[in-house]
Amino acid sequence: MARTNPFEFVQQVRAEVSKVTWPTRKETVITTVMVLVMSILASLFFLTADQILSWFVGLILNVGR
């Protein structure tokens, strides 16, 4: 693998960074809100599923008593 001197490396990095399309502030805010909403929905789903399964297992285990 060919070694690149640090100056060339920095130039290559700057050239690649200039090609990046950075998101706007609005896109970042919208994406962040979407992630938070989906995280809350997923946590509520798993909380509900856990409560139902816990109730069901408790019902099955208490049948023999």
PDB file of N, CA and C in Angstrom:
ATOM      1  N   MET A   1       0.841  -1.171   0.000  1.00  0.00           N
ATOM      2  CA  MET A   1       0.000   0.000   0.000  1.00  0.00           C
ATOM      3  C   MET A   1       0.896   1.246   0.000  1.00  0.00           C
ATOM      4  N   ALA A   2       0.665   2.126  -0.937  1.00  0.00           N
ATOM      5  CA  ALA A   2       1.492   3.319  -1.063  1.00  0.00           C
ATOM      6  C   ALA A   2       1.211   4.286   0.087  1.00  0.00           C
ATOM      7  N   ARG A   3       2.270   4.847   0.606  1.00  0.00           N
ATOM      8  CA  ARG A   3       2.128   5.811   1.701  1.00  0.00           C
ATOM      9  C   ARG A   3       1.979   7.210   1.119  1.00  0.00           C
ATOM     10  N   THR A   4       1.115   7.981   1.735  1.00  0.00           N
ATOM     11  CA  THR A   4       0.881   9.355   1.303  1.00  0.00           C
ATOM     12  C   THR A   4       1.426  10.285   2.376  1.00  0.00           C
ATOM     13  N   ASN A   5       2.078  11.346   1.938  1.00  0.00           N
ATOM     14  CA  ASN A   5       2.581  12.249   2.970  1.00  0.00           C
ATOM     15  C   ASN A   5       1.412  13.035   3.573  1.00  0.00           C
ATOM     16  N   PRO A   6       1.573  13.541   4.779  1.00  0.00           N
ATOM     17  CA  PRO A   6       0.470  14.201   5.491  1.00  0.00           C
ATOM     18  C   PRO A   6      -0.143  15.373   4.726  1.00  0.00           C
ATOM     19  N   PHE A   7       0.649  16.137   4.016  1.00  0.00           N
ATOM     20  CA  PHE A   7       0.122  17.282   3.276  1.00  0.00           C
ATOM     21  C   PHE A   7      -0.823  16.825   2.161  1.00  0.00           C
ATOM     22  N   GLU A   8      -0.441  15.790   1.416  1.00  0.00           N
ATOM     23  CA  GLU A   8      -1.313  15.247   0.357  1.00  0.00           C
ATOM     24  C   GLU A   8      -2.588  14.668   0.959  1.00  0.00           C
ATOM     25  N   PHE A   9      -2.422  14.004   2.101  1.00  0.00           N
ATOM     26  CA  PHE A   9      -3.582  13.417   2.767  1.00  0.00           C
ATOM     27  C   PHE A   9      -4.596  14.496   3.148  1.00  0.00           C
ATOM     28  N   VAL A  10      -4.125  15.591   3.721  1.00  0.00           N
ATOM     29  CA  VAL A  10      -5.012  16.693   4.115  1.00  0.00           C
ATOM     30  C   VAL A  10      -5.692  17.276   2.880  1.00  0.00           C
ATOM     31  N   GLN A  11      -4.959  17.420   1.788  1.00  0.00           N
ATOM     32  CA  GLN A  11      -5.558  17.929   0.555  1.00  0.00           C
ATOM     33  C   GLN A  11      -6.646  16.994   0.043  1.00  0.00           C
ATOM     34  N   GLN A  12      -6.388  15.688   0.094  1.00  0.00           N
ATOM     35  CA  GLN A  12      -7.384  14.711  -0.358  1.00  0.00           C
ATOM     36  C   GLN A  12      -8.627  14.736   0.527  1.00  0.00           C
ATOM     37  N   VAL A  13      -8.414  14.859   1.818  1.00  0.00           N
ATOM     38  CA  VAL A  13      -9.546  14.922   2.753  1.00  0.00           C
ATOM     39  C   VAL A  13     -10.384  16.165   2.476  1.00  0.00           C
ATOM     40  N   ARG A  14      -9.747  17.299   2.290  1.00  0.00           N
ATOM     41  CA  ARG A  14     -10.483  18.538   2.007  1.00  0.00           C
ATOM     42  C   ARG A  14     -11.260  18.421   0.698  1.00  0.00           C
ATOM     43  N   ALA A  15     -10.672  17.776  -0.307  1.00  0.00           N
ATOM     44  CA  ALA A  15     -11.355  17.602  -1.590  1.00  0.00           C
ATOM     45  C   ALA A  15     -12.591  16.721  -1.418  1.00  0.00           C
ATOM     46  N   GLU A  16     -12.472  15.659  -0.627  1.00  0.00           N
ATOM     47  CA  GLU A  16     -13.611  14.764  -0.408  1.00  0.00           C
ATOM     48  C   GLU A  16     -14.699  15.446   0.419  1.00  0.00           C
ATOM     49  N   VAL A  17     -14.303  16.209   1.430  1.00  0.00           N
ATOM     50  CA  VAL A  17     -15.283  16.903   2.274  1.00  0.00           C
ATOM     51  C   VAL A  17     -16.044  17.940   1.458  1.00  0.00           C
ATOM     52  N   SER A  18     -15.389  18.539   0.493  1.00  0.00           N
ATOM     53  CA  SER A  18     -16.084  19.539  -0.332  1.00  0.00           C
ATOM     54  C   SER A  18     -17.139  18.903  -1.234  1.00  0.00           C
ATOM     55  N   LYS A  19     -17.051  17.606  -1.475  1.00  0.00           N
ATOM     56  CA  LYS A  19     -18.033  16.893  -2.307  1.00  0.00           C
ATOM     57  C   LYS A  19     -19.280  16.493  -1.520  1.00  0.00           C
ATOM     58  N   VAL A  20     -19.188  16.526  -0.194  1.00  0.00           N
ATOM     59  CA  VAL A  20     -20.294  16.081   0.659  1.00  0.00           C
ATOM     60  C   VAL A  20     -21.447  17.071   0.569  1.00  0.00           C
ATOM     61  N   THR A  21     -22.658  16.535   0.458  1.00  0.00           N
ATOM     62  CA  THR A  21     -23.858  17.369   0.506  1.00  0.00           C
ATOM     63  C   THR A  21     -24.362  17.357   1.944  1.00  0.00           C
ATOM     64  N   TRP A  22     -24.162  18.460   2.629  1.00  0.00           N
ATOM     65  CA  TRP A  22     -24.542  18.539   4.028  1.00  0.00           C
ATOM     66  C   TRP A  22     -26.028  18.854   4.148  1.00  0.00           C
ATOM     67  N   PRO A  23     -26.718  18.257   5.128  1.00  0.00           N
ATOM     68  CA  PRO A  23     -28.141  18.552   5.300  1.00  0.00           C
ATOM     69  C   PRO A  23     -28.355  19.976   5.804  1.00  0.00           C
ATOM     70  N   THR A  24     -29.508  20.525   5.438  1.00  0.00           N
ATOM     71  CA  THR A  24     -29.843  21.853   5.936  1.00  0.00           C
ATOM     72  C   THR A  24     -30.292  21.745   7.387  1.00  0.00           C
ATOM     73  N   ARG A  25     -30.412  22.889   8.036  1.00  0.00           N
ATOM     74  CA  ARG A  25     -30.871  22.891   9.429  1.00  0.00           C
ATOM     75  C   ARG A  25     -32.282  22.312   9.520  1.00  0.00           C
ATOM     76  N   LYS A  26     -33.140  22.658   8.551  1.00  0.00           N
ATOM     77  CA  LYS A  26     -34.518  22.167   8.549  1.00  0.00           C
ATOM     78  C   LYS A  26     -34.542  20.645   8.411  1.00  0.00           C
ATOM     79  N   GLU A  27     -33.732  20.097   7.504  1.00  0.00           N
ATOM     80  CA  GLU A  27     -33.682  18.641   7.322  1.00  0.00           C
ATOM     81  C   GLU A  27     -33.191  17.946   8.595  1.00  0.00           C
ATOM     82  N   THR A  28     -32.216  18.547   9.254  1.00  0.00           N
ATOM     83  CA  THR A  28     -31.690  17.965  10.485  1.00  0.00           C
ATOM     84  C   THR A  28     -32.740  17.959  11.589  1.00  0.00           C
ATOM     85  N   VAL A  29     -33.471  19.062  11.724  1.00  0.00           N
ATOM     86  CA  VAL A  29     -34.516  19.143  12.753  1.00  0.00           C
ATOM     87  C   VAL A  29     -35.623  18.132  12.464  1.00  0.00           C
ATOM     88  N   ILE A  30     -36.075  18.049  11.222  1.00  0.00           N
ATOM     89  CA  ILE A  30     -37.148  17.123  10.861  1.00  0.00           C
ATOM     90  C   ILE A  30     -36.718  15.678  11.118  1.00  0.00           C
ATOM     91  N   THR A  31     -35.496  15.350  10.720  1.00  0.00           N
ATOM     92  CA  THR A  31     -35.003  13.995  10.930  1.00  0.00           C
ATOM     93  C   THR A  31     -34.883  13.671  12.413  1.00  0.00           C
ATOM     94  N   THR A  32     -34.417  14.625  13.199  1.00  0.00           N
ATOM     95  CA  THR A  32     -34.297  14.413  14.639  1.00  0.00           C
ATOM     96  C   THR A  32     -35.655  14.186  15.275  1.00  0.00           C
ATOM     97  N   VAL A  33     -36.638  14.986  14.895  1.00  0.00           N
ATOM     98  CA  VAL A  33     -37.992  14.820  15.432  1.00  0.00           C
ATOM     99  C   VAL A  33     -38.557  13.457  15.029  1.00  0.00           C
ATOM    100  N   MET A  34     -38.325  13.050  13.790  1.00  0.00           N
ATOM    101  CA  MET A  34     -38.818  11.742  13.337  1.00  0.00           C
ATOM    102  C   MET A  34     -38.189  10.606  14.143  1.00  0.00           C
ATOM    103  N   VAL A  35     -36.896  10.708  14.418  1.00  0.00           N
ATOM    104  CA  VAL A  35     -36.222   9.672  15.209  1.00  0.00           C
ATOM    105  C   VAL A  35     -36.786   9.633  16.629  1.00  0.00           C
ATOM    106  N   LEU A  36     -37.005  10.794  17.237  1.00  0.00           N
ATOM    107  CA  LEU A  36     -37.568  10.823  18.584  1.00  0.00           C
ATOM    108  C   LEU A  36     -38.973  10.241  18.633  1.00  0.00           C
ATOM    109  N   VAL A  37     -39.812  10.595  17.656  1.00  0.00           N
ATOM    110  CA  VAL A  37     -41.182  10.076  17.610  1.00  0.00           C
ATOM    111  C   VAL A  37     -41.173   8.558  17.428  1.00  0.00           C
ATOM    112  N   MET A  38     -40.348   8.067  16.511  1.00  0.00           N
ATOM    113  CA  MET A  38     -40.295   6.626  16.283  1.00  0.00           C
ATOM    114  C   MET A  38     -39.745   5.890  17.506  1.00  0.00           C
ATOM    115  N   SER A  39     -38.803   6.498  18.220  1.00  0.00           N
ATOM    116  CA  SER A  39     -38.270   5.884  19.442  1.00  0.00           C
ATOM    117  C   SER A  39     -39.349   5.786  20.515  1.00  0.00           C
ATOM    118  N   ILE A  40     -40.138   6.842  20.649  1.00  0.00           N
ATOM    119  CA  ILE A  40     -41.229   6.824  21.629  1.00  0.00           C
ATOM    120  C   ILE A  40     -42.266   5.782  21.256  1.00  0.00           C
ATOM    121  N   LEU A  41     -42.644   5.729  19.972  1.00  0.00           N
ATOM    122  CA  LEU A  41     -43.621   4.728  19.529  1.00  0.00           C
ATOM    123  C   LEU A  41     -43.108   3.310  19.745  1.00  0.00           C
ATOM    124  N   ALA A  42     -41.839   3.066  19.434  1.00  0.00           N
ATOM    125  CA  ALA A  42     -41.267   1.733  19.626  1.00  0.00           C
ATOM    126  C   ALA A  42     -41.237   1.370  21.105  1.00  0.00           C
ATOM    127  N   SER A  43     -40.877   2.321  21.960  1.00  0.00           N
ATOM    128  CA  SER A  43     -40.837   2.029  23.394  1.00  0.00           C
ATOM    129  C   SER A  43     -42.233   1.746  23.940  1.00  0.00           C
ATOM    130  N   LEU A  44     -43.240   2.467  23.469  1.00  0.00           N
ATOM    131  CA  LEU A  44     -44.614   2.195  23.902  1.00  0.00           C
ATOM    132  C   LEU A  44     -45.088   0.825  23.422  1.00  0.00           C
ATOM    133  N   PHE A  45     -44.726   0.470  22.183  1.00  0.00           N
ATOM    134  CA  PHE A  45     -45.091  -0.842  21.661  1.00  0.00           C
ATOM    135  C   PHE A  45     -44.474  -1.945  22.514  1.00  0.00           C
ATOM    136  N   PHE A  46     -43.173  -1.842  22.785  1.00  0.00           N
ATOM    137  CA  PHE A  46     -42.509  -2.895  23.556  1.00  0.00           C
ATOM    138  C   PHE A  46     -42.970  -2.914  25.009  1.00  0.00           C
ATOM    139  N   LEU A  47     -43.310  -1.770  25.567  1.00  0.00           N
ATOM    140  CA  LEU A  47     -43.865  -1.740  26.919  1.00  0.00           C
ATOM    141  C   LEU A  47     -45.201  -2.474  26.950  1.00  0.00           C
ATOM    142  N   THR A  48     -46.048  -2.191  25.980  1.00  0.00           N
ATOM    143  CA  THR A  48     -47.355  -2.858  25.904  1.00  0.00           C
ATOM    144  C   THR A  48     -47.187  -4.357  25.691  1.00  0.00           C
ATOM    145  N   ALA A  49     -46.336  -4.749  24.754  1.00  0.00           N
ATOM    146  CA  ALA A  49     -46.108  -6.164  24.492  1.00  0.00           C
ATOM    147  C   ALA A  49     -45.564  -6.863  25.736  1.00  0.00           C
ATOM    148  N   ASP A  50     -44.652  -6.224  26.449  1.00  0.00           N
ATOM    149  CA  ASP A  50     -44.084  -6.804  27.660  1.00  0.00           C
ATOM    150  C   ASP A  50     -45.144  -6.972  28.737  1.00  0.00           C
ATOM    151  N   GLN A  51     -46.005  -5.981  28.899  1.00  0.00           N
ATOM    152  CA  GLN A  51     -47.058  -6.072  29.910  1.00  0.00           C
ATOM    153  C   GLN A  51     -48.047  -7.197  29.584  1.00  0.00           C
ATOM    154  N   ILE A  52     -48.411  -7.318  28.319  1.00  0.00           N
ATOM    155  CA  ILE A  52     -49.343  -8.374  27.910  1.00  0.00           C
ATOM    156  C   ILE A  52     -48.718  -9.752  28.113  1.00  0.00           C
ATOM    157  N   LEU A  53     -47.468  -9.914  27.686  1.00  0.00           N
ATOM    158  CA  LEU A  53     -46.801 -11.205  27.869  1.00  0.00           C
ATOM    159  C   LEU A  53     -46.603 -11.523  29.346  1.00  0.00           C
ATOM    160  N   SER A  54     -46.272 -10.528  30.142  1.00  0.00           N
ATOM    161  CA  SER A  54     -46.102 -10.734  31.576  1.00  0.00           C
ATOM    162  C   SER A  54     -47.425 -11.172  32.213  1.00  0.00           C
ATOM    163  N   TRP A  55     -48.495 -10.538  31.837  1.00  0.00           N
ATOM    164  CA  TRP A  55     -49.823 -10.914  32.359  1.00  0.00           C
ATOM    165  C   TRP A  55     -50.168 -12.336  31.934  1.00  0.00           C
ATOM    166  N   PHE A  56     -49.892 -12.673  30.677  1.00  0.00           N
ATOM    167  CA  PHE A  56     -50.218 -13.995  30.148  1.00  0.00           C
ATOM    168  C   PHE A  56     -49.404 -15.078  30.847  1.00  0.00           C
ATOM    169  N   VAL A  57     -48.113 -14.853  31.049  1.00  0.00           N
ATOM    170  CA  VAL A  57     -47.268 -15.838  31.727  1.00  0.00           C
ATOM    171  C   VAL A  57     -47.709 -15.981  33.183  1.00  0.00           C
ATOM    172  N   GLY A  58     -48.031 -14.869  33.829  1.00  0.00           N
ATOM    173  CA  GLY A  58     -48.532 -14.931  35.195  1.00  0.00           C
ATOM    174  C   GLY A  58     -49.835 -15.708  35.284  1.00  0.00           C
ATOM    175  N   LEU A  59     -50.695 -15.543  34.309  1.00  0.00           N
ATOM    176  CA  LEU A  59     -51.956 -16.284  34.262  1.00  0.00           C
ATOM    177  C   LEU A  59     -51.703 -17.774  34.129  1.00  0.00           C
ATOM    178  N   ILE A  60     -50.790 -18.145  33.277  1.00  0.00           N
ATOM    179  CA  ILE A  60     -50.462 -19.566  33.072  1.00  0.00           C
ATOM    180  C   ILE A  60     -49.810 -20.155  34.328  1.00  0.00           C
ATOM    181  N   LEU A  61     -48.903 -19.456  34.937  1.00  0.00           N
ATOM    182  CA  LEU A  61     -48.199 -19.991  36.107  1.00  0.00           C
ATOM    183  C   LEU A  61     -49.095 -20.059  37.340  1.00  0.00           C
ATOM    184  N   ASN A  62     -50.125 -19.241  37.416  1.00  0.00           N
ATOM    185  CA  ASN A  62     -51.023 -19.257  38.575  1.00  0.00           C
ATOM    186  C   ASN A  62     -52.182 -20.221  38.398  1.00  0.00           C
ATOM    187  N   VAL A  63     -52.298 -20.890  37.276  1.00  0.00           N
ATOM    188  CA  VAL A  63     -53.405 -21.823  37.048  1.00  0.00           C
ATOM    189  C   VAL A  63     -53.280 -23.026  37.969  1.00  0.00           C
ATOM    190  N   GLY A  64     -52.087 -23.495  38.225  1.00  0.00           N
ATOM    191  CA  GLY A  64     -51.886 -24.692  39.052  1.00  0.00           C
ATOM    192  C   GLY A  64     -52.106 -24.456  40.534  1.00  0.00           C
ATOM    193  N   ARG A  65     -52.283 -23.259  40.951  1.00  0.00           N
ATOM    194  CA  ARG A  65     -52.396 -22.977  42.386  1.00  0.00           C
ATOM    195  C   ARG A  65     -53.820 -22.941  42.833  1.00  0.00           C
TER     196      ARG A  65
END
